[in-house]
């Protein structure tokens, strides 16, 4: 039997931790932790609404260049998700309707790209 694997945490590179934290909170993420572990290592964990997987931003977290991360998230309704982003002052693209789902794209203040996908149906199994 294959053990269960669950993604828990994805690092997102940012230039200004406080600005990024405020952005993610504005769009509905919960700030779970904000701790300076030691000089040069600040760990800020944020979780999207209803998600079991979080992101981590901070200093000393990742060597990735800010603006290079891409993350896709599944949402129940792309139109509602887009409206929430726009209401929070985020520039979000129109709903992109594809046969495999409806998508909304936006970027955080550092240019990291987010794709929100409303899955129309999933095969069983």
C-alpha atoms as a PDB file:
ATOM      1  CA  UNK A   1       0.000   0.000   0.000  1.00  0.00           C
ATOM      2  CA  UNK A   2       1.303   3.443  -0.913  1.00  0.00           C
ATOM      3  CA  UNK A   3       1.445   5.803   2.067  1.00  0.00           C
ATOM      4  CA  UNK A   4      -0.463   9.078   1.911  1.00  0.00           C
ATOM      5  CA  UNK A   5       1.575  12.058   0.783  1.00  0.00           C
ATOM      6  CA  UNK A   6       0.328  15.548   1.559  1.00  0.00           C
ATOM      7  CA  UNK A   7       1.899  18.803   0.493  1.00  0.00           C
ATOM      8  CA  UNK A   8       2.129  21.000   3.584  1.00  0.00           C
ATOM      9  CA  UNK A   9       4.211  24.064   2.776  1.00  0.00           C
ATOM     10  CA  UNK A  10       5.359  25.901  -0.352  1.00  0.00           C
ATOM     11  CA  UNK A  11       8.024  28.629  -0.105  1.00  0.00           C
ATOM     12  CA  UNK A  12       7.208  31.853  -1.948  1.00  0.00           C
ATOM     13  CA  UNK A  13      10.131  34.236  -2.504  1.00  0.00           C
ATOM     14  CA  UNK A  14       9.393  37.884  -1.693  1.00  0.00           C
ATOM     15  CA  UNK A  15      11.385  41.098  -1.360  1.00  0.00           C
ATOM     16  CA  UNK A  16       9.356  42.755   1.416  1.00  0.00           C
ATOM     17  CA  UNK A  17       7.966  40.306   3.959  1.00  0.00           C
ATOM     18  CA  UNK A  18       5.558  42.715   5.649  1.00  0.00           C
ATOM     19  CA  UNK A  19       4.144  43.937   2.313  1.00  0.00           C
ATOM     20  CA  UNK A  20       3.674  40.359   1.109  1.00  0.00           C
ATOM     21  CA  UNK A  21       2.097  39.279   4.414  1.00  0.00           C
ATOM     22  CA  UNK A  22      -0.391  42.173   4.226  1.00  0.00           C
ATOM     23  CA  UNK A  23      -1.218  41.287   0.597  1.00  0.00           C
ATOM     24  CA  UNK A  24      -1.940  37.648   1.373  1.00  0.00           C
ATOM     25  CA  UNK A  25      -4.008  38.538   4.430  1.00  0.00           C
ATOM     26  CA  UNK A  26      -5.984  41.029   2.328  1.00  0.00           C
ATOM     27  CA  UNK A  27      -7.000  38.248  -0.066  1.00  0.00           C
ATOM     28  CA  UNK A  28      -8.103  35.978   2.767  1.00  0.00           C
ATOM     29  CA  UNK A  29      -5.047  33.978   3.850  1.00  0.00           C
ATOM     30  CA  UNK A  30      -4.694  33.329   7.585  1.00  0.00           C
ATOM     31  CA  UNK A  31      -1.373  34.246   9.187  1.00  0.00           C
ATOM     32  CA  UNK A  32      -0.563  31.107  11.179  1.00  0.00           C
ATOM     33  CA  UNK A  33       2.960  32.001  12.303  1.00  0.00           C
ATOM     34  CA  UNK A  34       5.287  34.985  12.156  1.00  0.00           C
ATOM     35  CA  UNK A  35       8.455  34.196  14.019  1.00  0.00           C
ATOM     36  CA  UNK A  36      12.022  35.419  13.793  1.00  0.00           C
ATOM     37  CA  UNK A  37      13.854  32.184  14.504  1.00  0.00           C
ATOM     38  CA  UNK A  38      17.219  33.931  14.610  1.00  0.00           C
ATOM     39  CA  UNK A  39      18.967  36.821  12.895  1.00  0.00           C
ATOM     40  CA  UNK A  40      18.468  36.336   9.153  1.00  0.00           C
ATOM     41  CA  UNK A  41      15.655  33.779   9.478  1.00  0.00           C
ATOM     42  CA  UNK A  42      12.047  34.991   9.698  1.00  0.00           C
ATOM     43  CA  UNK A  43       9.337  32.389   9.120  1.00  0.00           C
ATOM     44  CA  UNK A  44       5.840  33.609   8.139  1.00  0.00           C
ATOM     45  CA  UNK A  45       3.315  30.869   7.397  1.00  0.00           C
ATOM     46  CA  UNK A  46       0.054  31.794   5.662  1.00  0.00           C
ATOM     47  CA  UNK A  47      -2.807  29.471   4.739  1.00  0.00           C
ATOM     48  CA  UNK A  48      -5.401  30.033   2.010  1.00  0.00           C
ATOM     49  CA  UNK A  49      -9.036  29.703   3.141  1.00  0.00           C
ATOM     50  CA  UNK A  50      -9.970  26.033   3.492  1.00  0.00           C
ATOM     51  CA  UNK A  51      -6.548  24.740   2.470  1.00  0.00           C
ATOM     52  CA  UNK A  52      -4.484  22.040   4.168  1.00  0.00           C
ATOM     53  CA  UNK A  53      -1.368  23.433   2.439  1.00  0.00           C
ATOM     54  CA  UNK A  54       0.250  26.716   3.427  1.00  0.00           C
ATOM     55  CA  UNK A  55       2.839  29.044   1.948  1.00  0.00           C
ATOM     56  CA  UNK A  56       5.872  30.359   3.760  1.00  0.00           C
ATOM     57  CA  UNK A  57       7.457  33.746   3.162  1.00  0.00           C
ATOM     58  CA  UNK A  58      10.205  35.412   5.111  1.00  0.00           C
ATOM     59  CA  UNK A  59      13.915  35.990   5.181  1.00  0.00           C
ATOM     60  CA  UNK A  60      16.349  33.118   4.876  1.00  0.00           C
ATOM     61  CA  UNK A  61      13.576  30.807   3.627  1.00  0.00           C
ATOM     62  CA  UNK A  62      14.460  30.142  -0.010  1.00  0.00           C
ATOM     63  CA  UNK A  63      17.111  30.904  -2.601  1.00  0.00           C
ATOM     64  CA  UNK A  64      14.455  31.327  -5.304  1.00  0.00           C
ATOM     65  CA  UNK A  65      14.272  34.743  -6.945  1.00  0.00           C
ATOM     66  CA  UNK A  66      11.190  36.792  -6.027  1.00  0.00           C
ATOM     67  CA  UNK A  67       8.668  36.742  -8.849  1.00  0.00           C
ATOM     68  CA  UNK A  68       9.620  33.267 -10.120  1.00  0.00           C
ATOM     69  CA  UNK A  69       7.229  31.082  -8.123  1.00  0.00           C
ATOM     70  CA  UNK A  70       4.090  29.696  -9.789  1.00  0.00           C
ATOM     71  CA  UNK A  71       1.302  28.130  -7.750  1.00  0.00           C
ATOM     72  CA  UNK A  72      -2.042  26.703  -8.795  1.00  0.00           C
ATOM     73  CA  UNK A  73      -4.937  26.462  -6.372  1.00  0.00           C
ATOM     74  CA  UNK A  74      -8.336  24.826  -6.829  1.00  0.00           C
ATOM     75  CA  UNK A  75     -11.368  26.971  -5.944  1.00  0.00           C
ATOM     76  CA  UNK A  76     -15.087  26.129  -6.063  1.00  0.00           C
ATOM     77  CA  UNK A  77     -15.999  29.005  -8.410  1.00  0.00           C
ATOM     78  CA  UNK A  78     -13.524  31.006 -10.516  1.00  0.00           C
ATOM     79  CA  UNK A  79     -15.909  33.945 -10.930  1.00  0.00           C
ATOM     80  CA  UNK A  80     -16.476  34.290  -7.199  1.00  0.00           C
ATOM     81  CA  UNK A  81     -12.729  33.976  -6.528  1.00  0.00           C
ATOM     82  CA  UNK A  82     -11.991  36.674  -9.124  1.00  0.00           C
ATOM     83  CA  UNK A  83     -14.576  38.977  -7.571  1.00  0.00           C
ATOM     84  CA  UNK A  84     -12.988  38.483  -4.144  1.00  0.00           C
ATOM     85  CA  UNK A  85      -9.564  39.407  -5.553  1.00  0.00           C
ATOM     86  CA  UNK A  86     -10.860  42.491  -7.376  1.00  0.00           C
ATOM     87  CA  UNK A  87     -12.755  43.612  -4.257  1.00  0.00           C
ATOM     88  CA  UNK A  88      -9.446  43.340  -2.351  1.00  0.00           C
ATOM     89  CA  UNK A  89      -7.783  45.630  -4.915  1.00  0.00           C
ATOM     90  CA  UNK A  90      -5.904  42.893  -6.758  1.00  0.00           C
ATOM     91  CA  UNK A  91      -5.509  43.040 -10.521  1.00  0.00           C
ATOM     92  CA  UNK A  92      -6.889  39.701 -11.713  1.00  0.00           C
ATOM     93  CA  UNK A  93      -7.472  38.516 -15.256  1.00  0.00           C
ATOM     94  CA  UNK A  94     -10.884  37.624 -16.613  1.00  0.00           C
ATOM     95  CA  UNK A  95     -12.118  34.079 -16.120  1.00  0.00           C
ATOM     96  CA  UNK A  96     -10.385  31.910 -18.738  1.00  0.00           C
ATOM     97  CA  UNK A  97     -12.781  29.117 -19.694  1.00  0.00           C
ATOM     98  CA  UNK A  98     -11.090  25.885 -20.797  1.00  0.00           C
ATOM     99  CA  UNK A  99     -12.528  22.378 -21.257  1.00  0.00           C
ATOM    100  CA  UNK A 100     -10.594  21.198 -18.172  1.00  0.00           C
ATOM    101  CA  UNK A 101     -11.602  24.087 -15.894  1.00  0.00           C
ATOM    102  CA  UNK A 102     -12.120  27.796 -15.438  1.00  0.00           C
ATOM    103  CA  UNK A 103      -9.019  29.803 -14.507  1.00  0.00           C
ATOM    104  CA  UNK A 104      -8.208  33.174 -12.980  1.00  0.00           C
ATOM    105  CA  UNK A 105      -4.637  34.487 -12.943  1.00  0.00           C
ATOM    106  CA  UNK A 106      -3.063  37.099 -10.707  1.00  0.00           C
ATOM    107  CA  UNK A 107       0.342  38.039  -9.310  1.00  0.00           C
ATOM    108  CA  UNK A 108       1.458  38.988  -5.835  1.00  0.00           C
ATOM    109  CA  UNK A 109       3.367  42.274  -5.285  1.00  0.00           C
ATOM    110  CA  UNK A 110       6.655  40.546  -6.244  1.00  0.00           C
ATOM    111  CA  UNK A 111       5.265  39.045  -9.439  1.00  0.00           C
ATOM    112  CA  UNK A 112       4.839  35.465  -8.234  1.00  0.00           C
ATOM    113  CA  UNK A 113       2.114  33.981 -10.427  1.00  0.00           C
ATOM    114  CA  UNK A 114      -1.030  32.391  -9.048  1.00  0.00           C
ATOM    115  CA  UNK A 115      -3.560  30.372 -11.029  1.00  0.00           C
ATOM    116  CA  UNK A 116      -6.955  29.705  -9.520  1.00  0.00           C
ATOM    117  CA  UNK A 117      -8.745  26.776 -11.150  1.00  0.00           C
ATOM    118  CA  UNK A 118     -12.375  25.821 -10.738  1.00  0.00           C
ATOM    119  CA  UNK A 119     -12.463  22.151 -11.710  1.00  0.00           C
ATOM    120  CA  UNK A 120     -15.642  21.306 -13.597  1.00  0.00           C
ATOM    121  CA  UNK A 121     -15.364  17.569 -12.915  1.00  0.00           C
ATOM    122  CA  UNK A 122     -12.755  15.035 -11.874  1.00  0.00           C
ATOM    123  CA  UNK A 123     -12.543  11.429 -13.009  1.00  0.00           C
ATOM    124  CA  UNK A 124     -13.191   8.887 -10.251  1.00  0.00           C
ATOM    125  CA  UNK A 125     -10.337   6.732  -9.110  1.00  0.00           C
END
